[in-house]
Amino acid sequence: MSYKIETLFNRYPELKSTEESIMSAFNIIRNSFTGASTLYTCGNGGSAADAEHMVGELMKGFLLPRKTAPELYSKLKEQYGDEGTELADGLQEGLRAISLNGHPSLATAYGNDVNFEMIFAQQLYVLGKPGDTLMGFTTSGNSANIVKAFKVAKALGVKTIAMTGKNGGECRAIVDCCITVPETETYKVQELHLPVYHALCAMLENEFYGE
């Protein structure tokens, strides 16, 4: 199945205004994955769930099958026989993506001991490298911990993408790409974020695993 961005706009015509920014985000993330770099995501509340959700679609098969790389398949079969074949048949290729919401012990310890507004910035400082991408979900565009993470990302040479509501907030001025969906109320913004990042995941999967 080959996914085209027009599929998104056919289902959600109100998102047509985001086409340029979606394609910009796609190119940024594609370049990271092409260079064996990593996409990091983060968000608060419902947006934290979106950050985790997007990673889930990238780290395993989404719309296309992603069979184990032939070299690893052969090694597993050679080393473990039938069990190795079972392992190889069960594995799926994935794209390097990590949610910064996925480390609650670290985040709460750092937040309690230092500063809750720095919980994502601290993780990115340790993990991020030039060529990586940070994608932050913030419906207002003004979430302090997302803004601080973007500022640290810029200093590290990490590309930045914001998913926001209509106004873009403070993030609009500091990121490489800002996808501003045409809503302002939090739940309505989040309802439009999901089809956008699903489209990005489908296009990225098609780029790396499509025929």
N, C-alpha and C. Protein backbone atom coordinates (compact mmCIF):
# COMPACT_ATOMS: atom_id res chain seq x y z
N MET A 1 0.85 -1.20 0.00
CA MET A 1 0.00 0.00 0.00
C MET A 1 0.88 1.24 0.00
N SER A 2 0.71 2.10 -0.96
CA SER A 2 1.49 3.32 -1.07
C SER A 2 0.64 4.49 -0.56
N TYR A 3 1.14 5.18 0.46
CA TYR A 3 0.37 6.28 1.06
C TYR A 3 0.75 7.60 0.42
N LYS A 4 -0.24 8.39 0.05
CA LYS A 4 -0.04 9.72 -0.50
C LYS A 4 -0.67 10.74 0.44
N ILE A 5 -0.04 11.90 0.56
CA ILE A 5 -0.53 12.92 1.48
C ILE A 5 -1.94 13.38 1.13
N GLU A 6 -2.32 13.25 -0.15
CA GLU A 6 -3.67 13.63 -0.55
C GLU A 6 -4.73 12.82 0.20
N THR A 7 -4.37 11.62 0.63
CA THR A 7 -5.29 10.79 1.41
C THR A 7 -5.72 11.53 2.68
N LEU A 8 -4.76 12.21 3.30
CA LEU A 8 -5.06 12.98 4.51
C LEU A 8 -6.05 14.09 4.22
N PHE A 9 -5.81 14.84 3.16
CA PHE A 9 -6.65 15.99 2.86
C PHE A 9 -8.03 15.59 2.34
N ASN A 10 -8.12 14.42 1.72
CA ASN A 10 -9.43 13.93 1.30
C ASN A 10 -10.32 13.64 2.51
N ARG A 11 -9.71 13.16 3.58
CA ARG A 11 -10.46 12.84 4.79
C ARG A 11 -10.63 14.05 5.69
N TYR A 12 -9.63 14.92 5.69
CA TYR A 12 -9.65 16.11 6.56
C TYR A 12 -9.31 17.34 5.74
N PRO A 13 -10.25 17.83 4.94
CA PRO A 13 -9.95 18.97 4.06
C PRO A 13 -9.50 20.21 4.81
N GLU A 14 -9.90 20.34 6.08
CA GLU A 14 -9.49 21.51 6.86
C GLU A 14 -7.99 21.54 7.12
N LEU A 15 -7.30 20.41 6.89
CA LEU A 15 -5.86 20.34 7.12
C LEU A 15 -5.04 20.69 5.89
N LYS A 16 -5.69 21.02 4.79
CA LYS A 16 -4.96 21.35 3.57
C LYS A 16 -3.98 22.49 3.80
N SER A 17 -4.30 23.40 4.70
CA SER A 17 -3.41 24.54 4.98
C SER A 17 -2.09 24.11 5.60
N THR A 18 -2.01 22.88 6.07
CA THR A 18 -0.79 22.41 6.73
C THR A 18 0.14 21.66 5.77
N GLU A 19 -0.23 21.54 4.52
CA GLU A 19 0.52 20.68 3.59
C GLU A 19 2.01 21.03 3.54
N GLU A 20 2.32 22.31 3.39
CA GLU A 20 3.74 22.70 3.28
C GLU A 20 4.52 22.34 4.53
N SER A 21 3.94 22.59 5.69
CA SER A 21 4.66 22.30 6.93
C SER A 21 4.76 20.79 7.18
N ILE A 22 3.74 20.03 6.79
CA ILE A 22 3.82 18.58 6.93
C ILE A 22 4.94 18.02 6.06
N MET A 23 5.04 18.49 4.83
CA MET A 23 6.09 18.01 3.94
C MET A 23 7.47 18.43 4.44
N SER A 24 7.56 19.62 5.04
CA SER A 24 8.82 20.05 5.64
C SER A 24 9.20 19.12 6.79
N ALA A 25 8.22 18.79 7.64
CA ALA A 25 8.48 17.87 8.75
C ALA A 25 8.90 16.50 8.23
N PHE A 26 8.22 16.02 7.20
CA PHE A 26 8.56 14.73 6.60
C PHE A 26 10.02 14.72 6.14
N ASN A 27 10.44 15.77 5.45
CA ASN A 27 11.82 15.82 4.95
C ASN A 27 12.83 15.88 6.08
N ILE A 28 12.52 16.61 7.14
CA ILE A 28 13.44 16.69 8.29
C ILE A 28 13.59 15.32 8.93
N ILE A 29 12.47 14.65 9.19
CA ILE A 29 12.54 13.35 9.86
C ILE A 29 13.17 12.31 8.93
N ARG A 30 12.83 12.34 7.65
CA ARG A 30 13.43 11.41 6.69
C ARG A 30 14.95 11.55 6.68
N ASN A 31 15.44 12.78 6.70
CA ASN A 31 16.89 12.99 6.71
C ASN A 31 17.53 12.42 7.96
N SER A 32 16.85 12.54 9.09
CA SER A 32 17.38 11.94 10.32
C SER A 32 17.47 10.42 10.18
N PHE A 33 16.39 9.81 9.71
CA PHE A 33 16.39 8.35 9.59
C PHE A 33 17.37 7.86 8.53
N THR A 34 17.52 8.62 7.46
CA THR A 34 18.48 8.25 6.42
C THR A 34 19.90 8.23 6.98
N GLY A 35 20.17 9.13 7.90
CA GLY A 35 21.49 9.21 8.52
C GLY A 35 21.64 8.36 9.76
N ALA A 36 20.73 7.42 9.97
CA ALA A 36 20.74 6.54 11.14
C ALA A 36 20.66 7.33 12.44
N SER A 37 20.01 8.49 12.39
CA SER A 37 19.82 9.30 13.58
C SER A 37 18.45 9.00 14.18
N THR A 38 18.07 9.75 15.21
CA THR A 38 16.91 9.40 16.01
C THR A 38 15.89 10.53 16.05
N LEU A 39 14.61 10.17 16.04
CA LEU A 39 13.53 11.11 16.29
C LEU A 39 13.14 10.99 17.76
N TYR A 40 13.15 12.12 18.47
CA TYR A 40 12.65 12.18 19.84
C TYR A 40 11.32 12.92 19.84
N THR A 41 10.39 12.47 20.68
CA THR A 41 9.10 13.13 20.78
C THR A 41 8.82 13.46 22.25
N CYS A 42 7.95 14.45 22.48
CA CYS A 42 7.56 14.77 23.85
C CYS A 42 6.27 15.58 23.84
N GLY A 43 5.56 15.58 24.95
CA GLY A 43 4.32 16.33 25.09
C GLY A 43 3.82 16.20 26.51
N ASN A 44 2.75 16.93 26.83
CA ASN A 44 2.15 16.92 28.16
C ASN A 44 0.69 16.48 28.07
N GLY A 45 0.23 15.72 29.06
CA GLY A 45 -1.17 15.30 29.08
C GLY A 45 -1.54 14.46 27.87
N GLY A 46 -2.61 14.85 27.18
CA GLY A 46 -3.01 14.13 25.98
C GLY A 46 -1.93 14.16 24.92
N SER A 47 -1.16 15.23 24.89
CA SER A 47 -0.07 15.34 23.91
C SER A 47 1.07 14.38 24.23
N ALA A 48 1.21 14.02 25.52
CA ALA A 48 2.19 12.98 25.88
C ALA A 48 1.78 11.65 25.27
N ALA A 49 0.48 11.38 25.28
CA ALA A 49 -0.02 10.16 24.65
C ALA A 49 0.23 10.19 23.15
N ASP A 50 0.07 11.36 22.52
CA ASP A 50 0.36 11.47 21.09
C ASP A 50 1.84 11.22 20.81
N ALA A 51 2.71 11.75 21.67
CA ALA A 51 4.15 11.54 21.50
C ALA A 51 4.50 10.06 21.56
N GLU A 52 3.88 9.35 22.52
CA GLU A 52 4.09 7.91 22.63
C GLU A 52 3.47 7.16 21.45
N HIS A 53 2.29 7.59 21.05
CA HIS A 53 1.57 6.93 19.95
C HIS A 53 2.38 6.98 18.66
N MET A 54 2.94 8.14 18.36
CA MET A 54 3.72 8.28 17.13
C MET A 54 4.92 7.34 17.13
N VAL A 55 5.59 7.25 18.26
CA VAL A 55 6.74 6.35 18.37
C VAL A 55 6.31 4.90 18.14
N GLY A 56 5.15 4.55 18.67
CA GLY A 56 4.65 3.19 18.48
C GLY A 56 4.42 2.83 17.02
N GLU A 57 3.98 3.81 16.23
CA GLU A 57 3.74 3.54 14.81
C GLU A 57 5.05 3.43 14.03
N LEU A 58 6.10 4.07 14.52
CA LEU A 58 7.38 4.06 13.80
C LEU A 58 8.27 2.87 14.17
N MET A 59 8.13 2.37 15.38
CA MET A 59 9.04 1.33 15.86
C MET A 59 8.62 -0.09 15.46
N LYS A 60 7.47 -0.20 14.79
CA LYS A 60 6.99 -1.50 14.33
C LYS A 60 6.19 -1.28 13.05
N GLY A 61 5.69 -2.34 12.47
CA GLY A 61 4.89 -2.21 11.27
C GLY A 61 3.64 -1.37 11.51
N PHE A 62 3.32 -0.50 10.55
CA PHE A 62 2.14 0.36 10.66
C PHE A 62 1.13 -0.07 9.59
N LEU A 63 1.36 0.31 8.34
CA LEU A 63 0.50 -0.11 7.24
C LEU A 63 1.16 -1.15 6.34
N LEU A 64 2.47 -1.27 6.46
CA LEU A 64 3.22 -2.18 5.59
C LEU A 64 3.93 -3.25 6.41
N PRO A 65 4.17 -4.43 5.84
CA PRO A 65 4.98 -5.44 6.52
C PRO A 65 6.44 -4.99 6.58
N ARG A 66 7.12 -5.31 7.66
CA ARG A 66 8.54 -4.93 7.79
C ARG A 66 9.32 -6.16 8.26
N LYS A 67 9.69 -6.99 7.34
CA LYS A 67 10.36 -8.24 7.67
C LYS A 67 11.76 -7.98 8.21
N THR A 68 12.21 -8.90 9.03
CA THR A 68 13.56 -8.83 9.60
C THR A 68 14.61 -8.78 8.50
N ALA A 69 15.63 -7.96 8.71
CA ALA A 69 16.71 -7.85 7.74
C ALA A 69 17.31 -9.23 7.47
N PRO A 70 17.58 -9.58 6.20
CA PRO A 70 18.05 -10.92 5.85
C PRO A 70 19.29 -11.35 6.63
N GLU A 71 20.24 -10.43 6.85
CA GLU A 71 21.47 -10.79 7.56
C GLU A 71 21.17 -11.25 8.98
N LEU A 72 20.32 -10.51 9.70
CA LEU A 72 19.98 -10.89 11.07
C LEU A 72 19.16 -12.17 11.07
N TYR A 73 18.27 -12.31 10.09
CA TYR A 73 17.46 -13.52 9.98
C TYR A 73 18.36 -14.75 9.90
N SER A 74 19.37 -14.67 9.05
CA SER A 74 20.29 -15.80 8.87
C SER A 74 21.07 -16.09 10.15
N LYS A 75 21.52 -15.05 10.82
CA LYS A 75 22.30 -15.24 12.06
C LYS A 75 21.46 -15.89 13.15
N LEU A 76 20.24 -15.42 13.31
CA LEU A 76 19.38 -16.01 14.33
C LEU A 76 19.08 -17.47 14.03
N LYS A 77 18.81 -17.77 12.77
CA LYS A 77 18.51 -19.16 12.38
C LYS A 77 19.74 -20.04 12.58
N GLU A 78 20.91 -19.50 12.22
CA GLU A 78 22.15 -20.27 12.35
C GLU A 78 22.49 -20.54 13.81
N GLN A 79 22.30 -19.53 14.66
CA GLN A 79 22.71 -19.67 16.07
C GLN A 79 21.71 -20.42 16.92
N TYR A 80 20.41 -20.33 16.59
CA TYR A 80 19.40 -20.88 17.50
C TYR A 80 18.42 -21.83 16.82
N GLY A 81 18.67 -22.18 15.57
CA GLY A 81 17.84 -23.17 14.90
C GLY A 81 16.39 -22.74 14.78
N ASP A 82 15.48 -23.65 15.16
CA ASP A 82 14.05 -23.37 15.03
C ASP A 82 13.64 -22.18 15.89
N GLU A 83 14.23 -22.08 17.08
CA GLU A 83 13.91 -20.94 17.94
C GLU A 83 14.35 -19.63 17.28
N GLY A 84 15.52 -19.67 16.62
CA GLY A 84 16.01 -18.49 15.91
C GLY A 84 15.09 -18.08 14.78
N THR A 85 14.57 -19.08 14.07
CA THR A 85 13.62 -18.79 13.00
C THR A 85 12.36 -18.15 13.55
N GLU A 86 11.90 -18.66 14.70
CA GLU A 86 10.71 -18.08 15.34
C GLU A 86 10.97 -16.63 15.75
N LEU A 87 12.15 -16.38 16.29
CA LEU A 87 12.52 -15.02 16.67
C LEU A 87 12.55 -14.11 15.45
N ALA A 88 13.20 -14.57 14.41
CA ALA A 88 13.35 -13.77 13.20
C ALA A 88 12.00 -13.49 12.54
N ASP A 89 11.10 -14.48 12.56
CA ASP A 89 9.78 -14.30 11.97
C ASP A 89 8.94 -13.30 12.77
N GLY A 90 9.23 -13.19 14.07
CA GLY A 90 8.45 -12.30 14.93
C GLY A 90 8.94 -10.86 14.93
N LEU A 91 10.20 -10.66 14.62
CA LEU A 91 10.74 -9.30 14.63
C LEU A 91 10.26 -8.48 13.44
N GLN A 92 10.17 -7.17 13.65
CA GLN A 92 9.81 -6.26 12.57
C GLN A 92 10.83 -5.13 12.53
N GLU A 93 11.17 -4.69 11.33
CA GLU A 93 12.06 -3.55 11.19
C GLU A 93 11.39 -2.30 11.76
N GLY A 94 12.18 -1.37 12.28
CA GLY A 94 11.62 -0.15 12.86
C GLY A 94 12.49 1.05 12.57
N LEU A 95 11.90 2.21 12.75
CA LEU A 95 12.61 3.48 12.59
C LEU A 95 12.95 4.02 13.98
N ARG A 96 14.14 4.61 14.10
CA ARG A 96 14.68 4.97 15.41
C ARG A 96 13.90 6.15 16.01
N ALA A 97 13.03 5.84 16.98
CA ALA A 97 12.20 6.87 17.60
C ALA A 97 12.09 6.60 19.10
N ILE A 98 12.21 7.64 19.89
CA ILE A 98 12.15 7.53 21.35
C ILE A 98 11.26 8.63 21.90
N SER A 99 10.31 8.26 22.74
CA SER A 99 9.49 9.25 23.43
C SER A 99 10.17 9.65 24.73
N LEU A 100 10.37 10.94 24.92
CA LEU A 100 10.96 11.43 26.17
C LEU A 100 9.96 11.38 27.31
N ASN A 101 8.73 11.00 27.02
CA ASN A 101 7.74 10.76 28.08
C ASN A 101 7.85 9.37 28.66
N GLY A 102 8.73 8.55 28.11
CA GLY A 102 8.81 7.15 28.50
C GLY A 102 9.76 6.85 29.63
N HIS A 103 10.23 7.86 30.35
CA HIS A 103 11.19 7.64 31.44
C HIS A 103 10.69 8.32 32.71
N PRO A 104 9.59 7.82 33.29
CA PRO A 104 8.96 8.52 34.42
C PRO A 104 9.83 8.65 35.66
N SER A 105 10.64 7.64 35.96
CA SER A 105 11.50 7.74 37.15
C SER A 105 12.52 8.86 37.00
N LEU A 106 13.14 8.92 35.82
CA LEU A 106 14.10 9.99 35.55
C LEU A 106 13.43 11.35 35.57
N ALA A 107 12.30 11.47 34.87
CA ALA A 107 11.63 12.77 34.76
C ALA A 107 11.17 13.28 36.12
N THR A 108 10.59 12.40 36.94
CA THR A 108 10.10 12.87 38.23
C THR A 108 11.24 13.14 39.20
N ALA A 109 12.31 12.36 39.12
CA ALA A 109 13.47 12.63 39.98
C ALA A 109 14.11 13.96 39.61
N TYR A 110 14.32 14.18 38.32
CA TYR A 110 14.94 15.43 37.88
C TYR A 110 14.01 16.61 38.17
N GLY A 111 12.72 16.43 37.93
CA GLY A 111 11.78 17.50 38.19
C GLY A 111 11.72 17.86 39.66
N ASN A 112 11.72 16.85 40.52
CA ASN A 112 11.66 17.07 41.96
C ASN A 112 12.95 17.69 42.49
N ASP A 113 14.08 17.23 41.96
CA ASP A 113 15.38 17.67 42.48
C ASP A 113 15.86 18.97 41.85
N VAL A 114 15.47 19.22 40.59
CA VAL A 114 16.03 20.36 39.86
C VAL A 114 14.92 21.29 39.36
N ASN A 115 14.18 20.87 38.31
CA ASN A 115 13.23 21.79 37.70
C ASN A 115 12.31 20.99 36.76
N PHE A 116 11.01 20.97 37.04
CA PHE A 116 10.08 20.23 36.19
C PHE A 116 10.01 20.80 34.78
N GLU A 117 10.32 22.07 34.62
CA GLU A 117 10.28 22.65 33.27
C GLU A 117 11.46 22.20 32.41
N MET A 118 12.39 21.45 32.99
CA MET A 118 13.58 21.01 32.26
C MET A 118 13.61 19.50 32.03
N ILE A 119 12.50 18.82 32.30
CA ILE A 119 12.57 17.35 32.25
C ILE A 119 12.86 16.82 30.85
N PHE A 120 12.38 17.48 29.81
CA PHE A 120 12.67 17.03 28.45
C PHE A 120 14.02 17.56 27.99
N ALA A 121 14.34 18.78 28.37
CA ALA A 121 15.62 19.37 27.99
C ALA A 121 16.78 18.55 28.54
N GLN A 122 16.66 18.06 29.77
CA GLN A 122 17.73 17.26 30.37
C GLN A 122 17.95 15.96 29.60
N GLN A 123 16.86 15.30 29.26
CA GLN A 123 16.99 14.03 28.52
C GLN A 123 17.61 14.26 27.15
N LEU A 124 17.18 15.32 26.49
CA LEU A 124 17.72 15.60 25.17
C LEU A 124 19.20 15.97 25.25
N TYR A 125 19.56 16.69 26.30
CA TYR A 125 20.97 17.06 26.49
C TYR A 125 21.86 15.82 26.56
N VAL A 126 21.38 14.78 27.21
CA VAL A 126 22.16 13.55 27.35
C VAL A 126 22.11 12.70 26.08
N LEU A 127 20.96 12.64 25.45
CA LEU A 127 20.77 11.71 24.33
C LEU A 127 20.97 12.33 22.94
N GLY A 128 20.64 13.60 22.79
CA GLY A 128 20.58 14.20 21.47
C GLY A 128 21.94 14.44 20.82
N LYS A 129 21.99 14.23 19.50
CA LYS A 129 23.20 14.45 18.71
C LYS A 129 22.84 15.19 17.43
N PRO A 130 23.80 15.92 16.85
CA PRO A 130 23.51 16.55 15.55
C PRO A 130 23.00 15.53 14.55
N GLY A 131 21.97 15.89 13.82
CA GLY A 131 21.34 14.97 12.88
C GLY A 131 20.05 14.38 13.41
N ASP A 132 19.86 14.40 14.74
CA ASP A 132 18.62 13.95 15.34
C ASP A 132 17.52 15.00 15.13
N THR A 133 16.30 14.61 15.45
CA THR A 133 15.16 15.52 15.37
C THR A 133 14.35 15.44 16.66
N LEU A 134 13.89 16.58 17.15
CA LEU A 134 12.97 16.63 18.29
C LEU A 134 11.62 17.12 17.79
N MET A 135 10.56 16.35 18.07
CA MET A 135 9.20 16.75 17.72
C MET A 135 8.40 16.93 18.99
N GLY A 136 7.97 18.15 19.26
CA GLY A 136 7.23 18.44 20.47
C GLY A 136 5.77 18.73 20.18
N PHE A 137 4.88 18.12 20.94
CA PHE A 137 3.44 18.32 20.81
C PHE A 137 2.97 19.28 21.90
N THR A 138 2.47 20.44 21.52
CA THR A 138 1.96 21.41 22.48
C THR A 138 0.82 22.17 21.82
N THR A 139 -0.39 21.99 22.32
CA THR A 139 -1.55 22.58 21.65
C THR A 139 -1.49 24.10 21.63
N SER A 140 -0.93 24.69 22.69
CA SER A 140 -0.82 26.15 22.75
C SER A 140 0.43 26.67 22.06
N GLY A 141 1.46 25.82 21.97
CA GLY A 141 2.75 26.26 21.48
C GLY A 141 3.58 26.96 22.54
N ASN A 142 3.08 26.97 23.77
CA ASN A 142 3.74 27.72 24.84
C ASN A 142 4.16 26.87 26.04
N SER A 143 4.04 25.56 25.95
CA SER A 143 4.40 24.70 27.08
C SER A 143 5.87 24.90 27.45
N ALA A 144 6.12 25.32 28.69
CA ALA A 144 7.47 25.72 29.08
C ALA A 144 8.49 24.60 28.91
N ASN A 145 8.11 23.37 29.25
CA ASN A 145 9.10 22.28 29.15
C ASN A 145 9.39 21.91 27.69
N ILE A 146 8.42 22.14 26.80
CA ILE A 146 8.66 21.89 25.38
C ILE A 146 9.53 23.00 24.80
N VAL A 147 9.22 24.24 25.15
CA VAL A 147 10.01 25.39 24.66
C VAL A 147 11.47 25.25 25.09
N LYS A 148 11.71 24.90 26.33
CA LYS A 148 13.08 24.75 26.82
C LYS A 148 13.80 23.61 26.11
N ALA A 149 13.08 22.53 25.84
CA ALA A 149 13.70 21.42 25.12
C ALA A 149 14.08 21.84 23.70
N PHE A 150 13.24 22.62 23.05
CA PHE A 150 13.56 23.11 21.71
C PHE A 150 14.80 23.99 21.73
N LYS A 151 14.94 24.82 22.73
CA LYS A 151 16.10 25.72 22.81
C LYS A 151 17.39 24.93 23.01
N VAL A 152 17.33 23.90 23.85
CA VAL A 152 18.51 23.04 24.03
C VAL A 152 18.80 22.28 22.74
N ALA A 153 17.75 21.82 22.06
CA ALA A 153 17.94 21.11 20.79
C ALA A 153 18.68 21.97 19.79
N LYS A 154 18.28 23.23 19.67
CA LYS A 154 18.94 24.13 18.71
C LYS A 154 20.42 24.26 19.02
N ALA A 155 20.75 24.36 20.31
CA ALA A 155 22.15 24.48 20.71
C ALA A 155 22.94 23.21 20.41
N LEU A 156 22.27 22.07 20.41
CA LEU A 156 22.92 20.78 20.16
C LEU A 156 23.02 20.44 18.68
N GLY A 157 22.35 21.22 17.83
CA GLY A 157 22.32 20.88 16.41
C GLY A 157 21.28 19.86 16.07
N VAL A 158 20.26 19.74 16.92
CA VAL A 158 19.14 18.83 16.70
C VAL A 158 18.02 19.59 16.00
N LYS A 159 17.48 19.05 14.92
CA LYS A 159 16.40 19.69 14.19
C LYS A 159 15.12 19.68 15.05
N THR A 160 14.24 20.65 14.82
CA THR A 160 13.08 20.80 15.69
C THR A 160 11.79 20.95 14.90
N ILE A 161 10.75 20.24 15.37
CA ILE A 161 9.42 20.30 14.77
C ILE A 161 8.41 20.48 15.89
N ALA A 162 7.52 21.45 15.77
CA ALA A 162 6.45 21.64 16.74
C ALA A 162 5.11 21.28 16.12
N MET A 163 4.29 20.59 16.89
CA MET A 163 2.90 20.32 16.52
C MET A 163 2.05 21.16 17.45
N THR A 164 1.37 22.17 16.91
CA THR A 164 0.64 23.12 17.75
C THR A 164 -0.77 23.36 17.21
N GLY A 165 -1.47 24.26 17.91
CA GLY A 165 -2.74 24.76 17.42
C GLY A 165 -2.53 25.93 16.47
N LYS A 166 -3.60 26.61 16.17
CA LYS A 166 -3.63 27.61 15.11
C LYS A 166 -2.60 28.72 15.27
N ASN A 167 -2.32 29.14 16.50
CA ASN A 167 -1.46 30.31 16.72
C ASN A 167 0.04 29.99 16.75
N GLY A 168 0.40 28.76 17.04
CA GLY A 168 1.81 28.38 17.06
C GLY A 168 2.54 28.74 18.33
N GLY A 169 2.06 29.78 19.02
CA GLY A 169 2.67 30.17 20.29
C GLY A 169 4.13 30.53 20.17
N GLU A 170 4.83 30.44 21.28
CA GLU A 170 6.26 30.77 21.33
C GLU A 170 7.08 29.83 20.46
N CYS A 171 6.61 28.60 20.31
CA CYS A 171 7.38 27.62 19.54
C CYS A 171 7.58 28.04 18.09
N ARG A 172 6.59 28.70 17.53
CA ARG A 172 6.63 29.03 16.10
C ARG A 172 7.93 29.74 15.73
N ALA A 173 8.42 30.60 16.61
CA ALA A 173 9.59 31.43 16.30
C ALA A 173 10.92 30.72 16.50
N ILE A 174 10.90 29.56 17.18
CA ILE A 174 12.19 28.95 17.54
C ILE A 174 12.44 27.60 16.89
N VAL A 175 11.44 27.05 16.19
CA VAL A 175 11.63 25.71 15.61
C VAL A 175 11.93 25.79 14.11
N ASP A 176 12.45 24.69 13.59
CA ASP A 176 12.71 24.61 12.15
C ASP A 176 11.42 24.43 11.36
N CYS A 177 10.42 23.80 11.98
CA CYS A 177 9.16 23.54 11.30
C CYS A 177 8.04 23.56 12.34
N CYS A 178 6.97 24.29 12.05
CA CYS A 178 5.82 24.35 12.96
C CYS A 178 4.56 23.96 12.20
N ILE A 179 3.94 22.86 12.60
CA ILE A 179 2.69 22.41 12.00
C ILE A 179 1.55 22.96 12.86
N THR A 180 0.83 23.92 12.35
CA THR A 180 -0.23 24.59 13.10
C THR A 180 -1.59 24.16 12.54
N VAL A 181 -2.26 23.26 13.25
CA VAL A 181 -3.57 22.82 12.78
C VAL A 181 -4.59 23.92 13.09
N PRO A 182 -5.65 24.03 12.27
CA PRO A 182 -6.56 25.18 12.36
C PRO A 182 -7.62 25.08 13.45
N GLU A 183 -7.17 24.89 14.68
CA GLU A 183 -8.05 24.91 15.85
C GLU A 183 -7.29 25.55 17.01
N THR A 184 -8.02 26.02 18.03
CA THR A 184 -7.38 26.62 19.20
C THR A 184 -7.75 25.92 20.50
N GLU A 185 -8.92 25.29 20.56
CA GLU A 185 -9.33 24.59 21.77
C GLU A 185 -8.57 23.27 21.89
N THR A 186 -8.06 23.00 23.09
CA THR A 186 -7.11 21.90 23.27
C THR A 186 -7.56 20.59 22.66
N TYR A 187 -8.75 20.12 23.00
CA TYR A 187 -9.15 18.80 22.52
C TYR A 187 -9.35 18.78 21.01
N LYS A 188 -9.77 19.91 20.45
CA LYS A 188 -9.95 19.98 19.00
C LYS A 188 -8.59 19.97 18.28
N VAL A 189 -7.60 20.63 18.87
CA VAL A 189 -6.24 20.60 18.31
C VAL A 189 -5.73 19.17 18.32
N GLN A 190 -5.90 18.48 19.45
CA GLN A 190 -5.41 17.11 19.56
C GLN A 190 -6.11 16.17 18.59
N GLU A 191 -7.39 16.42 18.33
CA GLU A 191 -8.12 15.59 17.37
C GLU A 191 -7.55 15.72 15.96
N LEU A 192 -6.96 16.87 15.65
CA LEU A 192 -6.35 17.06 14.33
C LEU A 192 -4.86 16.67 14.32
N HIS A 193 -4.23 16.65 15.48
CA HIS A 193 -2.84 16.21 15.51
C HIS A 193 -2.72 14.74 15.10
N LEU A 194 -3.66 13.91 15.56
CA LEU A 194 -3.54 12.47 15.30
C LEU A 194 -3.50 12.14 13.81
N PRO A 195 -4.42 12.63 12.98
CA PRO A 195 -4.31 12.29 11.55
C PRO A 195 -3.05 12.85 10.90
N VAL A 196 -2.53 13.97 11.42
CA VAL A 196 -1.29 14.52 10.85
C VAL A 196 -0.12 13.60 11.12
N TYR A 197 0.05 13.17 12.38
CA TYR A 197 1.22 12.32 12.62
C TYR A 197 1.02 10.91 12.09
N HIS A 198 -0.23 10.46 11.96
CA HIS A 198 -0.45 9.19 11.26
C HIS A 198 -0.01 9.31 9.80
N ALA A 199 -0.32 10.44 9.17
CA ALA A 199 0.11 10.64 7.78
C ALA A 199 1.62 10.65 7.69
N LEU A 200 2.28 11.34 8.61
CA LEU A 200 3.75 11.36 8.61
C LEU A 200 4.31 9.95 8.78
N CYS A 201 3.74 9.18 9.69
CA CYS A 201 4.22 7.81 9.90
C CYS A 201 4.03 6.96 8.65
N ALA A 202 2.88 7.13 8.00
CA ALA A 202 2.61 6.35 6.79
C ALA A 202 3.57 6.73 5.67
N MET A 203 3.84 8.03 5.51
CA MET A 203 4.76 8.47 4.45
C MET A 203 6.18 8.01 4.74
N LEU A 204 6.58 8.06 6.00
CA LEU A 204 7.93 7.61 6.36
C LEU A 204 8.07 6.11 6.17
N GLU A 205 7.06 5.38 6.56
CA GLU A 205 7.10 3.92 6.36
C GLU A 205 7.19 3.59 4.88
N ASN A 206 6.40 4.30 4.07
CA ASN A 206 6.43 4.05 2.63
C ASN A 206 7.80 4.39 2.03
N GLU A 207 8.43 5.43 2.58
CA GLU A 207 9.75 5.85 2.09
C GLU A 207 10.81 4.77 2.34
N PHE A 208 10.76 4.16 3.52
CA PHE A 208 11.82 3.23 3.90
C PHE A 208 11.48 1.76 3.70
N TYR A 209 10.20 1.44 3.63
CA TYR A 209 9.81 0.03 3.51
C TYR A 209 8.87 -0.25 2.35
N GLY A 210 8.48 0.78 1.62
CA GLY A 210 7.62 0.56 0.47
C GLY A 210 8.39 0.01 -0.72
N GLU A 211 7.67 -0.49 -1.69
CA GLU A 211 8.32 -1.06 -2.88
C GLU A 211 8.78 0.05 -3.83
